[in-house]
C-alpha atoms as a PDB file:
ATOM      1  CA  MET A   1       0.000   0.000   0.000  1.00  0.00           C
ATOM      2  CA  THR A   2       2.814   2.346   0.702  1.00  0.00           C
ATOM      3  CA  ALA A   3       4.508   1.631  -2.578  1.00  0.00           C
ATOM      4  CA  ALA A   4       1.308   2.355  -4.513  1.00  0.00           C
ATOM      5  CA  THR A   5       0.713   5.645  -2.724  1.00  0.00           C
ATOM      6  CA  SER A   6       4.221   6.893  -3.340  1.00  0.00           C
ATOM      7  CA  ALA A   7       3.982   5.959  -7.012  1.00  0.00           C
ATOM      8  CA  VAL A   8       0.851   8.063  -7.481  1.00  0.00           C
ATOM      9  CA  ARG A   9       2.270  11.203  -5.849  1.00  0.00           C
ATOM     10  CA  PRO A  10       4.932  13.015  -7.832  1.00  0.00           C
ATOM     11  CA  SER A  11       8.068  14.073  -6.034  1.00  0.00           C
ATOM     12  CA  ARG A  12       8.197  17.750  -5.022  1.00  0.00           C
ATOM     13  CA  ALA A  13      11.722  17.814  -3.783  1.00  0.00           C
ATOM     14  CA  GLY A  14      12.828  20.446  -6.364  1.00  0.00           C
ATOM     15  CA  GLU A  15       9.874  22.847  -5.862  1.00  0.00           C
ATOM     16  CA  HIS A  16      10.614  24.151  -2.376  1.00  0.00           C
ATOM     17  CA  GLY A  17      10.698  27.965  -2.269  1.00  0.00           C
ATOM     18  CA  ARG A  18       9.105  28.629  -5.654  1.00  0.00           C
ATOM     19  CA  VAL A  19       5.943  30.041  -4.103  1.00  0.00           C
ATOM     20  CA  SER A  20       7.992  32.454  -1.973  1.00  0.00           C
ATOM     21  CA  ILE A  21       9.798  33.818  -5.034  1.00  0.00           C
ATOM     22  CA  PHE A  22       6.509  34.153  -6.928  1.00  0.00           C
ATOM     23  CA  LEU A  23       4.887  36.049  -4.044  1.00  0.00           C
ATOM     24  CA  ALA A  24       7.879  38.353  -3.657  1.00  0.00           C
ATOM     25  CA  VAL A  25       7.835  39.269  -7.351  1.00  0.00           C
ATOM     26  CA  THR A  26       4.080  39.797  -7.497  1.00  0.00           C
ATOM     27  CA  MET A  27       4.065  41.870  -4.291  1.00  0.00           C
ATOM     28  CA  ILE A  28       6.550  44.289  -5.848  1.00  0.00           C
ATOM     29  CA  GLY A  29       4.130  44.756  -8.742  1.00  0.00           C
ATOM     30  CA  VAL A  30       1.143  45.164  -6.440  1.00  0.00           C
ATOM     31  CA  LEU A  31       2.967  47.738  -4.317  1.00  0.00           C
ATOM     32  CA  ALA A  32       4.019  49.634  -7.454  1.00  0.00           C
ATOM     33  CA  ILE A  33       0.393  49.795  -8.624  1.00  0.00           C
ATOM     34  CA  ILE A  34      -0.740  50.991  -5.184  1.00  0.00           C
ATOM     35  CA  GLY A  35       1.973  53.672  -5.184  1.00  0.00           C
ATOM     36  CA  LEU A  36       1.053  54.883  -8.670  1.00  0.00           C
ATOM     37  CA  SER A  37      -2.637  54.983  -7.750  1.00  0.00           C
ATOM     38  CA  PHE A  38      -1.953  56.908  -4.541  1.00  0.00           C
ATOM     39  CA  ASP A  39       0.171  59.542  -6.272  1.00  0.00           C
ATOM     40  CA  ALA A  40      -2.219  59.821  -9.225  1.00  0.00           C
ATOM     41  CA  ALA A  41      -5.105  60.449  -6.822  1.00  0.00           C
ATOM     42  CA  GLY A  42      -3.024  63.030  -4.956  1.00  0.00           C
ATOM     43  CA  GLN A  43      -2.149  64.808  -8.175  1.00  0.00           C
ATOM     44  CA  LEU A  44      -5.817  64.815  -9.210  1.00  0.00           C
ATOM     45  CA  ARG A  45      -6.839  66.271  -5.825  1.00  0.00           C
ATOM     46  CA  THR A  46      -4.198  68.980  -6.220  1.00  0.00           C
ATOM     47  CA  LEU A  47      -5.472  69.803  -9.708  1.00  0.00           C
ATOM     48  CA  GLN A  48      -9.032  70.121  -8.388  1.00  0.00           C
ATOM     49  CA  HIS A  49      -7.772  72.343  -5.569  1.00  0.00           C
ATOM     50  CA  ALA A  50      -5.940  74.589  -8.080  1.00  0.00           C
ATOM     51  CA  GLN A  51      -9.087  74.901 -10.189  1.00  0.00           C
ATOM     52  CA  ASN A  52     -11.189  75.758  -7.137  1.00  0.00           C
ATOM     53  CA  LEU A  53      -8.686  78.404  -6.019  1.00  0.00           C
ATOM     54  CA  ALA A  54      -8.597  79.906  -9.516  1.00  0.00           C
ATOM     55  CA  ALA A  55     -12.410  80.068  -9.638  1.00  0.00           C
ATOM     56  CA  GLU A  56     -12.666  81.729  -6.236  1.00  0.00           C
ATOM     57  CA  ALA A  57      -9.869  84.175  -7.037  1.00  0.00           C
ATOM     58  CA  ALA A  58     -11.534  85.071 -10.359  1.00  0.00           C
ATOM     59  CA  ARG A  59     -14.815  85.629  -8.520  1.00  0.00           C
ATOM     60  CA  ALA A  60     -13.072  87.899  -6.012  1.00  0.00           C
ATOM     61  CA  GLY A  61     -11.410  89.847  -8.809  1.00  0.00           C
ATOM     62  CA  GLY A  62     -14.647  90.039 -10.801  1.00  0.00           C
ATOM     63  CA  GLN A  63     -16.318  91.871  -7.932  1.00  0.00           C
ATOM     64  CA  ALA A  64     -13.879  94.771  -8.265  1.00  0.00           C
ATOM     65  CA  ILE A  65     -15.862  96.894 -10.695  1.00  0.00           C
ATOM     66  CA  ASP A  66     -15.162 100.446 -11.803  1.00  0.00           C
ATOM     67  CA  ARG A  67     -17.524 102.113  -9.326  1.00  0.00           C
ATOM     68  CA  ALA A  68     -17.212 105.652 -10.681  1.00  0.00           C
ATOM     69  CA  THR A  69     -18.411 104.597 -14.138  1.00  0.00           C
ATOM     70  CA  ALA A  70     -21.114 102.349 -12.690  1.00  0.00           C
ATOM     71  CA  ILE A  71     -22.508 105.092 -10.418  1.00  0.00           C
ATOM     72  CA  GLU A  72     -22.713 107.497 -13.347  1.00  0.00           C
ATOM     73  CA  GLY A  73     -24.850 104.938 -15.180  1.00  0.00           C
ATOM     74  CA  GLY A  74     -22.087 103.701 -17.474  1.00  0.00           C
ATOM     75  CA  PRO A  75     -21.229 100.103 -18.187  1.00  0.00           C
ATOM     76  CA  LYS A  76     -20.172  97.865 -15.324  1.00  0.00           C
ATOM     77  CA  ARG A  77     -16.538  97.071 -16.065  1.00  0.00           C
ATOM     78  CA  ILE A  78     -13.874  95.319 -14.058  1.00  0.00           C
ATOM     79  CA  ASN A  79     -11.369  97.720 -12.518  1.00  0.00           C
ATOM     80  CA  GLU A  80      -8.127  95.970 -13.469  1.00  0.00           C
ATOM     81  CA  PRO A  81      -5.811  97.308 -10.713  1.00  0.00           C
ATOM     82  CA  GLU A  82      -8.390  96.607  -7.983  1.00  0.00           C
ATOM     83  CA  ALA A  83      -9.101  93.170  -9.458  1.00  0.00           C
ATOM     84  CA  ARG A  84      -5.391  92.270  -9.432  1.00  0.00           C
ATOM     85  CA  ASP A  85      -5.198  93.360  -5.786  1.00  0.00           C
ATOM     86  CA  ALA A  86      -8.334  91.373  -4.878  1.00  0.00           C
ATOM     87  CA  VAL A  87      -6.947  88.230  -6.536  1.00  0.00           C
ATOM     88  CA  ALA A  88      -3.570  88.646  -4.826  1.00  0.00           C
ATOM     89  CA  ASP A  89      -5.239  89.244  -1.442  1.00  0.00           C
ATOM     90  CA  TYR A  90      -7.416  86.145  -1.784  1.00  0.00           C
ATOM     91  CA  LEU A  91      -4.558  83.893  -2.882  1.00  0.00           C
ATOM     92  CA  ASP A  92      -2.278  85.267  -0.152  1.00  0.00           C
ATOM     93  CA  ALA A  93      -4.937  84.397   2.406  1.00  0.00           C
ATOM     94  CA  VAL A  94      -4.897  80.762   1.252  1.00  0.00           C
ATOM     95  CA  ASN A  95      -1.070  80.562   0.927  1.00  0.00           C
ATOM     96  CA  THR A  96      -0.904  80.310  -2.859  1.00  0.00           C
ATOM     97  CA  ALA A  97       1.798  82.433  -4.419  1.00  0.00           C
ATOM     98  CA  SER A  98       2.089  81.283  -8.026  1.00  0.00           C
ATOM     99  CA  HIS A  99      -0.639  82.873 -10.123  1.00  0.00           C
ATOM    100  CA  THR A 100      -1.230  85.050 -13.159  1.00  0.00           C
ATOM    101  CA  VAL A 101      -4.067  87.427 -13.933  1.00  0.00           C
ATOM    102  CA  ASN A 102      -5.030  88.730 -17.348  1.00  0.00           C
ATOM    103  CA  PHE A 103      -8.011  90.523 -18.795  1.00  0.00           C
ATOM    104  CA  PRO A 104      -9.142  89.172 -22.172  1.00  0.00           C
ATOM    105  CA  GLU A 105     -11.808  90.990 -24.131  1.00  0.00           C
ATOM    106  CA  VAL A 106     -14.632  88.859 -25.524  1.00  0.00           C
ATOM    107  CA  ASP A 107     -17.446  90.451 -27.559  1.00  0.00           C
ATOM    108  CA  GLY A 108     -16.591  93.904 -26.201  1.00  0.00           C
ATOM    109  CA  GLU A 109     -16.680  92.749 -22.574  1.00  0.00           C
ATOM    110  CA  ILE A 110     -13.553  92.613 -20.422  1.00  0.00           C
ATOM    111  CA  LEU A 111     -13.238  89.389 -18.442  1.00  0.00           C
ATOM    112  CA  ILE A 112     -10.805  88.354 -15.739  1.00  0.00           C
ATOM    113  CA  ARG A 113      -8.827  85.138 -16.163  1.00  0.00           C
ATOM    114  CA  VAL A 114      -6.870  83.720 -13.226  1.00  0.00           C
ATOM    115  CA  THR A 115      -4.338  80.909 -13.533  1.00  0.00           C
ATOM    116  CA  VAL A 116      -3.096  79.218 -10.341  1.00  0.00           C
ATOM    117  CA  SER A 117      -0.169  76.785 -10.170  1.00  0.00           C
ATOM    118  CA  ILE A 118       0.350  74.385  -7.254  1.00  0.00           C
ATOM    119  CA  THR A 119       3.163  71.892  -6.757  1.00  0.00           C
ATOM    120  CA  TYR A 120       2.328  68.329  -5.705  1.00  0.00           C
ATOM    121  CA  HIS A 121       5.072  66.380  -3.931  1.00  0.00           C
ATOM    122  CA  ARG A 122       4.978  62.708  -4.878  1.00  0.00           C
ATOM    123  CA  SER A 123       5.119  60.621  -1.743  1.00  0.00           C
ATOM    124  CA  MET A 124       4.942  56.995  -2.884  1.00  0.00           C
ATOM    125  CA  ILE A 125       6.880  56.961  -6.163  1.00  0.00           C
ATOM    126  CA  GLY A 126       8.967  60.047  -5.400  1.00  0.00           C
ATOM    127  CA  PRO A 127      12.010  58.091  -4.221  1.00  0.00           C
ATOM    128  CA  PHE A 128      12.033  56.014  -7.419  1.00  0.00           C
ATOM    129  CA  VAL A 129      11.751  58.742 -10.083  1.00  0.00           C
ATOM    130  CA  GLN A 130      13.806  61.804 -10.951  1.00  0.00           C
ATOM    131  CA  GLU A 131      10.863  64.222 -10.860  1.00  0.00           C
ATOM    132  CA  LYS A 132       9.901  64.307  -7.176  1.00  0.00           C
ATOM    133  CA  THR A 133       7.296  67.024  -7.742  1.00  0.00           C
ATOM    134  CA  VAL A 134       4.749  67.874 -10.388  1.00  0.00           C
ATOM    135  CA  THR A 135       3.148  71.284 -10.959  1.00  0.00           C
ATOM    136  CA  VAL A 136      -0.552  71.391 -11.764  1.00  0.00           C
ATOM    137  CA  THR A 137      -2.396  74.421 -13.089  1.00  0.00           C
ATOM    138  CA  GLY A 138      -5.993  75.516 -12.639  1.00  0.00           C
ATOM    139  CA  GLU A 139      -7.628  78.276 -14.650  1.00  0.00           C
ATOM    140  CA  ALA A 140     -10.905  80.136 -14.333  1.00  0.00           C
ATOM    141  CA  THR A 141     -12.585  83.092 -16.002  1.00  0.00           C
ATOM    142  CA  ALA A 142     -15.145  85.476 -14.501  1.00  0.00           C
ATOM    143  CA  ARG A 143     -17.060  88.478 -15.712  1.00  0.00           C
ATOM    144  CA  ALA A 144     -18.961  91.312 -14.146  1.00  0.00           C
ATOM    145  CA  ILE A 145     -22.638  90.409 -14.282  1.00  0.00           C
ATOM    146  CA  THR A 146     -25.119  93.204 -13.953  1.00  0.00           C
ATOM    147  CA  ALA A 147     -28.682  92.779 -12.837  1.00  0.00           C
ATOM    148  CA  THR A 148     -31.555  95.185 -13.285  1.00  0.00           C
ATOM    149  CA  LEU A 149     -34.201  95.453 -10.642  1.00  0.00           C
END
């Protein structure tokens, strides 16, 4: 009975440790995917944050209208120097230094466009790549909306 049982079972003397090597190799891949996913999600969150800051800064700058012209009954236009100051004040309050402000004209109306840049520091794959940081940019445009009562 013993001879028949040993003849049916193949010998596994040469397979010791193969599972350990397989698990070690696959775990490196799994950890790499987790690291890439974590940093990609962080970069996406930073991009969304930059876009939100740009939108709020554009809104703050869009509220700086040329009051003298508006009081006289003229068109409601954005006062560019006051708008630049309002954008800078808002972004200083939220610790964001890198931004640009410009005033494009579309269909005879002057708009305010704010671009905010934020740097994301890669935490999981940072030690393995040359570029330890990535800069993301958010942009938003606002205009002075007038309402008649």
